[in-house]
C-alpha atoms as a PDB file:
ATOM      1  CA  MET A   1       0.000   0.000   0.000  1.00  0.00           C
ATOM      2  CA  ILE A   2       1.350   3.442  -0.934  1.00  0.00           C
ATOM      3  CA  PRO A   3       1.483   5.876   2.043  1.00  0.00           C
ATOM      4  CA  GLU A   4      -0.896   8.801   1.677  1.00  0.00           C
ATOM      5  CA  GLY A   5       0.687  11.788   0.043  1.00  0.00           C
ATOM      6  CA  LYS A   6       3.392   9.794  -1.716  1.00  0.00           C
ATOM      7  CA  ALA A   7       3.123   9.198  -5.414  1.00  0.00           C
ATOM      8  CA  LYS A   8       4.163   5.868  -6.838  1.00  0.00           C
ATOM      9  CA  VAL A   9       7.414   6.258  -8.750  1.00  0.00           C
ATOM     10  CA  LYS A  10       7.332   4.561 -12.140  1.00  0.00           C
ATOM     11  CA  ARG A  11      10.574   3.337 -13.616  1.00  0.00           C
ATOM     12  CA  ARG A  12      10.914   4.526 -17.154  1.00  0.00           C
ATOM     13  CA  ARG A  13      12.051   2.008 -19.732  1.00  0.00           C
ATOM     14  CA  PRO A  14      14.994   3.095 -21.848  1.00  0.00           C
ATOM     15  CA  GLN A  15      13.786   4.617 -25.090  1.00  0.00           C
ATOM     16  CA  HIS A  16      16.169   2.312 -26.914  1.00  0.00           C
ATOM     17  CA  PRO A  17      16.677  -1.055 -25.160  1.00  0.00           C
ATOM     18  CA  ASP A  18      20.118  -2.631 -25.502  1.00  0.00           C
ATOM     19  CA  ALA A  19      18.653  -5.404 -27.654  1.00  0.00           C
ATOM     20  CA  GLU A  20      17.492  -2.880 -30.249  1.00  0.00           C
ATOM     21  CA  LEU A  21      20.828  -1.084 -30.297  1.00  0.00           C
ATOM     22  CA  LEU A  22      22.736  -4.355 -30.606  1.00  0.00           C
ATOM     23  CA  ALA A  23      20.451  -5.505 -33.428  1.00  0.00           C
ATOM     24  CA  ALA A  24      21.200  -2.315 -35.352  1.00  0.00           C
ATOM     25  CA  ALA A  25      24.916  -2.637 -34.651  1.00  0.00           C
ATOM     26  CA  SER A  26      24.846  -6.261 -35.740  1.00  0.00           C
ATOM     27  CA  GLU A  27      23.226  -5.376 -39.067  1.00  0.00           C
ATOM     28  CA  ILE A  28      25.680  -2.559 -39.850  1.00  0.00           C
ATOM     29  CA  PHE A  29      28.816  -4.398 -38.720  1.00  0.00           C
ATOM     30  CA  ALA A  30      27.789  -7.516 -40.669  1.00  0.00           C
ATOM     31  CA  SER A  31      26.951  -5.655 -43.882  1.00  0.00           C
ATOM     32  CA  GLU A  32      29.704  -3.027 -43.892  1.00  0.00           C
ATOM     33  CA  GLY A  33      32.514  -4.642 -41.889  1.00  0.00           C
ATOM     34  CA  TYR A  34      34.075  -3.323 -38.706  1.00  0.00           C
ATOM     35  CA  ALA A  35      36.398  -0.807 -40.346  1.00  0.00           C
ATOM     36  CA  ALA A  36      33.772   0.770 -42.596  1.00  0.00           C
ATOM     37  CA  ALA A  37      30.937   0.747 -40.061  1.00  0.00           C
ATOM     38  CA  SER A  38      30.398   3.983 -38.173  1.00  0.00           C
ATOM     39  CA  VAL A  39      28.652   4.726 -34.902  1.00  0.00           C
ATOM     40  CA  ALA A  40      26.659   7.389 -36.758  1.00  0.00           C
ATOM     41  CA  ARG A  41      25.300   4.776 -39.194  1.00  0.00           C
ATOM     42  CA  ILE A  42      24.425   2.426 -36.337  1.00  0.00           C
ATOM     43  CA  ALA A  43      22.667   5.215 -34.446  1.00  0.00           C
ATOM     44  CA  GLU A  44      20.717   6.123 -37.574  1.00  0.00           C
ATOM     45  CA  ARG A  45      19.711   2.486 -38.121  1.00  0.00           C
ATOM     46  CA  ALA A  46      18.580   2.178 -34.495  1.00  0.00           C
ATOM     47  CA  GLY A  47      16.705   5.489 -34.568  1.00  0.00           C
ATOM     48  CA  ALA A  48      18.938   6.625 -31.735  1.00  0.00           C
ATOM     49  CA  THR A  49      21.801   9.107 -31.346  1.00  0.00           C
ATOM     50  CA  LYS A  50      25.564   8.771 -31.158  1.00  0.00           C
ATOM     51  CA  PRO A  51      25.608  10.030 -27.541  1.00  0.00           C
ATOM     52  CA  THR A  52      23.129   7.277 -26.638  1.00  0.00           C
ATOM     53  CA  LEU A  53      25.403   4.596 -28.096  1.00  0.00           C
ATOM     54  CA  TYR A  54      28.566   6.039 -26.571  1.00  0.00           C
ATOM     55  CA  GLY A  55      26.823   6.464 -23.234  1.00  0.00           C
ATOM     56  CA  ARG A  56      25.579   2.882 -23.251  1.00  0.00           C
ATOM     57  CA  PHE A  57      28.600   1.054 -24.699  1.00  0.00           C
ATOM     58  CA  GLY A  58      31.589   3.402 -24.541  1.00  0.00           C
ATOM     59  CA  SER A  59      33.335   3.192 -27.892  1.00  0.00           C
ATOM     60  CA  LYS A  60      32.881   1.669 -31.324  1.00  0.00           C
ATOM     61  CA  ALA A  61      35.211  -1.185 -30.335  1.00  0.00           C
ATOM     62  CA  GLU A  62      33.242  -1.845 -27.154  1.00  0.00           C
ATOM     63  CA  LEU A  63      29.979  -1.754 -29.077  1.00  0.00           C
ATOM     64  CA  TYR A  64      31.368  -4.286 -31.549  1.00  0.00           C
ATOM     65  CA  ASP A  65      32.563  -6.477 -28.691  1.00  0.00           C
ATOM     66  CA  ALA A  66      29.144  -6.333 -27.001  1.00  0.00           C
ATOM     67  CA  THR A  67      27.454  -7.164 -30.307  1.00  0.00           C
ATOM     68  CA  ILE A  68      29.580 -10.178 -31.085  1.00  0.00           C
ATOM     69  CA  ARG A  69      29.447 -11.428 -27.490  1.00  0.00           C
ATOM     70  CA  ASP A  70      25.663 -11.419 -27.672  1.00  0.00           C
ATOM     71  CA  HIS A  71      25.792 -13.687 -30.723  1.00  0.00           C
ATOM     72  CA  ALA A  72      28.547 -15.829 -29.220  1.00  0.00           C
ATOM     73  CA  GLU A  73      26.506 -16.560 -26.121  1.00  0.00           C
ATOM     74  CA  ALA A  74      23.462 -17.346 -28.235  1.00  0.00           C
ATOM     75  CA  ILE A  75      25.235 -19.833 -30.497  1.00  0.00           C
ATOM     76  CA  ARG A  76      26.888 -21.607 -27.573  1.00  0.00           C
ATOM     77  CA  VAL A  77      23.551 -22.108 -25.859  1.00  0.00           C
ATOM     78  CA  HIS A  78      21.935 -23.184 -29.134  1.00  0.00           C
ATOM     79  CA  LEU A  79      24.602 -25.632 -30.305  1.00  0.00           C
ATOM     80  CA  PHE A  80      25.569 -27.044 -26.945  1.00  0.00           C
ATOM     81  CA  ALA A  81      21.943 -27.981 -26.261  1.00  0.00           C
ATOM     82  CA  ALA A  82      21.968 -29.937 -29.540  1.00  0.00           C
ATOM     83  CA  TYR A  83      25.279 -31.636 -28.809  1.00  0.00           C
ATOM     84  CA  ASP A  84      24.066 -32.612 -25.332  1.00  0.00           C
ATOM     85  CA  GLN A  85      21.446 -34.754 -27.097  1.00  0.00           C
ATOM     86  CA  ALA A  86      24.131 -36.669 -28.987  1.00  0.00           C
ATOM     87  CA  TYR A  87      24.790 -39.077 -26.120  1.00  0.00           C
ATOM     88  CA  GLU A  88      21.256 -40.458 -26.469  1.00  0.00           C
ATOM     89  CA  LEU A  89      21.397 -40.879 -30.262  1.00  0.00           C
ATOM     90  CA  GLU A  90      23.034 -43.002 -32.898  1.00  0.00           C
ATOM     91  CA  LEU A  91      25.928 -41.309 -34.703  1.00  0.00           C
ATOM     92  CA  PRO A  92      24.118 -40.346 -37.965  1.00  0.00           C
ATOM     93  CA  GLU A  93      21.185 -38.929 -36.008  1.00  0.00           C
ATOM     94  CA  ALA A  94      23.511 -37.024 -33.664  1.00  0.00           C
ATOM     95  CA  ILE A  95      25.215 -35.478 -36.669  1.00  0.00           C
ATOM     96  CA  ARG A  96      21.874 -34.489 -38.196  1.00  0.00           C
ATOM     97  CA  VAL A  97      20.719 -32.827 -34.975  1.00  0.00           C
ATOM     98  CA  GLY A  98      23.988 -30.913 -34.727  1.00  0.00           C
ATOM     99  CA  VAL A  99      23.912 -29.733 -38.337  1.00  0.00           C
ATOM    100  CA  GLU A 100      20.285 -28.658 -38.089  1.00  0.00           C
ATOM    101  CA  ALA A 101      21.164 -26.623 -34.997  1.00  0.00           C
ATOM    102  CA  TRP A 102      23.799 -24.747 -37.010  1.00  0.00           C
ATOM    103  CA  PHE A 103      21.345 -23.956 -39.785  1.00  0.00           C
ATOM    104  CA  ALA A 104      18.619 -22.951 -37.320  1.00  0.00           C
ATOM    105  CA  PHE A 105      20.974 -20.476 -35.658  1.00  0.00           C
ATOM    106  CA  ALA A 106      21.935 -19.021 -39.038  1.00  0.00           C
ATOM    107  CA  GLU A 107      18.269 -18.607 -39.957  1.00  0.00           C
ATOM    108  CA  GLU A 108      17.513 -16.869 -36.669  1.00  0.00           C
ATOM    109  CA  ARG A 109      20.681 -14.753 -36.582  1.00  0.00           C
ATOM    110  CA  PRO A 110      22.191 -14.393 -40.077  1.00  0.00           C
ATOM    111  CA  ASP A 111      24.114 -11.283 -39.036  1.00  0.00           C
ATOM    112  CA  GLY A 112      25.487 -13.154 -36.041  1.00  0.00           C
ATOM    113  CA  MET A 113      26.638 -15.963 -38.312  1.00  0.00           C
ATOM    114  CA  ARG A 114      28.453 -13.462 -40.524  1.00  0.00           C
ATOM    115  CA  LEU A 115      30.083 -11.708 -37.576  1.00  0.00           C
ATOM    116  CA  LEU A 116      31.242 -14.911 -35.901  1.00  0.00           C
ATOM    117  CA  PHE A 117      32.318 -16.879 -38.981  1.00  0.00           C
ATOM    118  CA  GLY A 118      32.479 -14.469 -41.928  1.00  0.00           C
ATOM    119  CA  GLU A 119      35.528 -12.993 -43.614  1.00  0.00           C
ATOM    120  CA  ASP A 120      35.565 -10.079 -41.146  1.00  0.00           C
ATOM    121  CA  ALA A 121      35.323 -12.343 -38.084  1.00  0.00           C
ATOM    122  CA  GLY A 122      37.817 -11.402 -35.415  1.00  0.00           C
ATOM    123  CA  ALA A 123      38.468  -7.971 -36.939  1.00  0.00           C
ATOM    124  CA  ALA A 124      38.357  -6.185 -33.612  1.00  0.00           C
ATOM    125  CA  SER A 125      37.583  -8.819 -30.985  1.00  0.00           C
ATOM    126  CA  PRO A 126      38.946 -12.242 -29.980  1.00  0.00           C
ATOM    127  CA  VAL A 127      35.421 -13.483 -29.276  1.00  0.00           C
ATOM    128  CA  ALA A 128      34.898 -15.086 -32.700  1.00  0.00           C
ATOM    129  CA  ALA A 129      38.038 -17.214 -32.414  1.00  0.00           C
ATOM    130  CA  GLU A 130      37.256 -18.112 -28.802  1.00  0.00           C
ATOM    131  CA  THR A 131      33.734 -19.150 -29.751  1.00  0.00           C
ATOM    132  CA  THR A 132      34.923 -21.316 -32.636  1.00  0.00           C
ATOM    133  CA  GLU A 133      37.417 -23.055 -30.370  1.00  0.00           C
ATOM    134  CA  ALA A 134      34.795 -23.627 -27.663  1.00  0.00           C
ATOM    135  CA  ILE A 135      32.472 -25.235 -30.214  1.00  0.00           C
ATOM    136  CA  ILE A 136      35.301 -27.403 -31.557  1.00  0.00           C
ATOM    137  CA  GLN A 137      36.147 -28.607 -28.051  1.00  0.00           C
ATOM    138  CA  ARG A 138      32.504 -29.484 -27.331  1.00  0.00           C
ATOM    139  CA  ILE A 139      32.199 -31.448 -30.579  1.00  0.00           C
ATOM    140  CA  ALA A 140      35.526 -33.134 -29.810  1.00  0.00           C
ATOM    141  CA  LYS A 141      34.034 -34.511 -26.585  1.00  0.00           C
ATOM    142  CA  VAL A 142      31.124 -35.970 -28.544  1.00  0.00           C
ATOM    143  CA  THR A 143      33.578 -37.399 -31.087  1.00  0.00           C
ATOM    144  CA  GLU A 144      35.554 -39.067 -28.316  1.00  0.00           C
ATOM    145  CA  TYR A 145      32.336 -40.505 -26.868  1.00  0.00           C
ATOM    146  CA  PHE A 146      31.413 -42.200 -30.160  1.00  0.00           C
ATOM    147  CA  ALA A 147      34.982 -43.457 -30.609  1.00  0.00           C
ATOM    148  CA  GLU A 148      34.829 -45.037 -27.164  1.00  0.00           C
ATOM    149  CA  GLN A 149      31.621 -46.846 -28.172  1.00  0.00           C
ATOM    150  CA  THR A 150      33.792 -48.812 -30.619  1.00  0.00           C
ATOM    151  CA  GLY A 151      36.396 -49.575 -27.963  1.00  0.00           C
ATOM    152  CA  ARG A 152      38.877 -46.926 -29.124  1.00  0.00           C
ATOM    153  CA  SER A 153      40.008 -43.449 -28.218  1.00  0.00           C
ATOM    154  CA  ALA A 154      40.093 -40.722 -30.856  1.00  0.00           C
ATOM    155  CA  GLY A 155      42.772 -38.909 -28.868  1.00  0.00           C
ATOM    156  CA  GLY A 156      44.325 -35.991 -30.722  1.00  0.00           C
ATOM    157  CA  ALA A 157      42.212 -36.743 -33.773  1.00  0.00           C
ATOM    158  CA  ALA A 158      39.014 -35.679 -31.963  1.00  0.00           C
ATOM    159  CA  PRO A 159      39.555 -31.895 -32.161  1.00  0.00           C
ATOM    160  CA  LEU A 160      40.692 -32.243 -35.781  1.00  0.00           C
ATOM    161  CA  ILE A 161      37.513 -34.110 -36.706  1.00  0.00           C
ATOM    162  CA  ALA A 162      35.511 -31.515 -34.771  1.00  0.00           C
ATOM    163  CA  ALA A 163      37.193 -28.699 -36.695  1.00  0.00           C
ATOM    164  CA  MET A 164      36.264 -30.436 -39.968  1.00  0.00           C
ATOM    165  CA  ILE A 165      32.636 -30.638 -38.850  1.00  0.00           C
ATOM    166  CA  VAL A 166      32.617 -26.945 -37.939  1.00  0.00           C
ATOM    167  CA  GLY A 167      34.234 -26.069 -41.263  1.00  0.00           C
ATOM    168  CA  ALA A 168      31.665 -28.040 -43.253  1.00  0.00           C
ATOM    169  CA  CYS A 169      28.746 -26.413 -41.447  1.00  0.00           C
ATOM    170  CA  VAL A 170      30.153 -22.887 -41.596  1.00  0.00           C
ATOM    171  CA  HIS A 171      31.017 -22.976 -45.275  1.00  0.00           C
ATOM    172  CA  ALA A 172      27.742 -24.609 -46.278  1.00  0.00           C
ATOM    173  CA  ILE A 173      25.840 -21.897 -44.401  1.00  0.00           C
ATOM    174  CA  ARG A 174      27.985 -19.143 -45.878  1.00  0.00           C
ATOM    175  CA  ARG A 175      27.054 -20.356 -49.360  1.00  0.00           C
ATOM    176  CA  CYS A 176      23.393 -20.179 -48.382  1.00  0.00           C
ATOM    177  CA  LEU A 177      23.784 -16.645 -47.046  1.00  0.00           C
ATOM    178  CA  GLU A 178      25.505 -15.589 -50.264  1.00  0.00           C
ATOM    179  CA  ASP A 179      23.056 -17.310 -52.617  1.00  0.00           C
ATOM    180  CA  SER A 180      19.373 -16.852 -51.772  1.00  0.00           C
ATOM    181  CA  ASP A 181      18.396 -19.263 -54.555  1.00  0.00           C
ATOM    182  CA  LEU A 182      19.820 -22.234 -52.678  1.00  0.00           C
ATOM    183  CA  ASP A 183      17.359 -24.557 -50.945  1.00  0.00           C
ATOM    184  CA  VAL A 184      18.539 -24.226 -47.342  1.00  0.00           C
ATOM    185  CA  ASP A 185      16.811 -27.420 -46.185  1.00  0.00           C
ATOM    186  CA  ALA A 186      18.468 -29.355 -49.007  1.00  0.00           C
ATOM    187  CA  VAL A 187      21.879 -27.908 -48.151  1.00  0.00           C
ATOM    188  CA  SER A 188      21.380 -28.822 -44.493  1.00  0.00           C
ATOM    189  CA  ALA A 189      20.390 -32.380 -45.431  1.00  0.00           C
ATOM    190  CA  LEU A 190      23.347 -32.693 -47.796  1.00  0.00           C
ATOM    191  CA  THR A 191      25.727 -31.471 -45.101  1.00  0.00           C
ATOM    192  CA  SER A 192      24.314 -34.014 -42.632  1.00  0.00           C
ATOM    193  CA  SER A 193      24.553 -36.833 -45.153  1.00  0.00           C
ATOM    194  CA  PHE A 194      28.100 -35.906 -46.104  1.00  0.00           C
ATOM    195  CA  LEU A 195      29.313 -35.718 -42.498  1.00  0.00           C
ATOM    196  CA  ALA A 196      27.487 -38.916 -41.496  1.00  0.00           C
ATOM    197  CA  ALA A 197      29.037 -40.813 -44.418  1.00  0.00           C
ATOM    198  CA  ALA A 198      32.481 -39.462 -43.577  1.00  0.00           C
ATOM    199  CA  SER A 199      32.130 -40.268 -39.867  1.00  0.00           C
ATOM    200  CA  THR A 200      30.734 -43.761 -40.209  1.00  0.00           C
ATOM    201  CA  ARG A 201      33.379 -44.775 -42.749  1.00  0.00           C
ATOM    202  CA  LEU A 202      36.302 -43.161 -40.958  1.00  0.00           C
ATOM    203  CA  ASP A 203      39.353 -45.429 -40.669  1.00  0.00           C
ATOM    204  CA  PRO A 204      39.826 -45.822 -36.884  1.00  0.00           C
ATOM    205  CA  GLU A 205      43.452 -46.829 -37.393  1.00  0.00           C
ATOM    206  CA  LEU A 206      44.143 -43.183 -38.154  1.00  0.00           C
ATOM    207  CA  TYR A 207      43.435 -42.333 -34.498  1.00  0.00           C
ATOM    208  CA  ASN A 208      46.782 -43.903 -33.638  1.00  0.00           C
ATOM    209  CA  ARG A 209      48.638 -41.275 -35.629  1.00  0.00           C
ATOM    210  CA  PHE A 210      47.627 -38.416 -33.354  1.00  0.00           C
END
């Protein structure tokens, strides 16, 4: 109950929530590249002002870092949830679930995909490289799990296989982002089929060389 004579103080929402500012920054950084992108262009895209962006994030570099970190956190949550399912699935199905998670993220956050894995990735922040390595290490654990199901250890080959899986997914998605005529579902299915065929026919004797 509000004491008599005292007005209830309402908290005002920011005119431009961080999510809106980061979305605008993501679009401009992804389309123009870090070097060419300007805070003025981002402010214009967000319908905000340069002082608002500087006041909220500090500098262009800090805004870029905040933007890419937002995408990095999102893709880790998205992919890691898919890879956690792998332990309950057969290998081909686990691969399909993982690949579909990559494509789903790219559909939801195409600018994030470009910032994390595009040609300009890592231009002004180590987050892209750190995120790629974290994903590789998570897939490597899944790779080791499936190797152990056959009575072997993938050892040093696990992160290499994981890097190949990441490379296949990233480059397939980049082709889709560059060519709107491609059937994304077909590309996703082809990527899954390719990786499943490669994984199930992998020569386990090669593990011993790493």
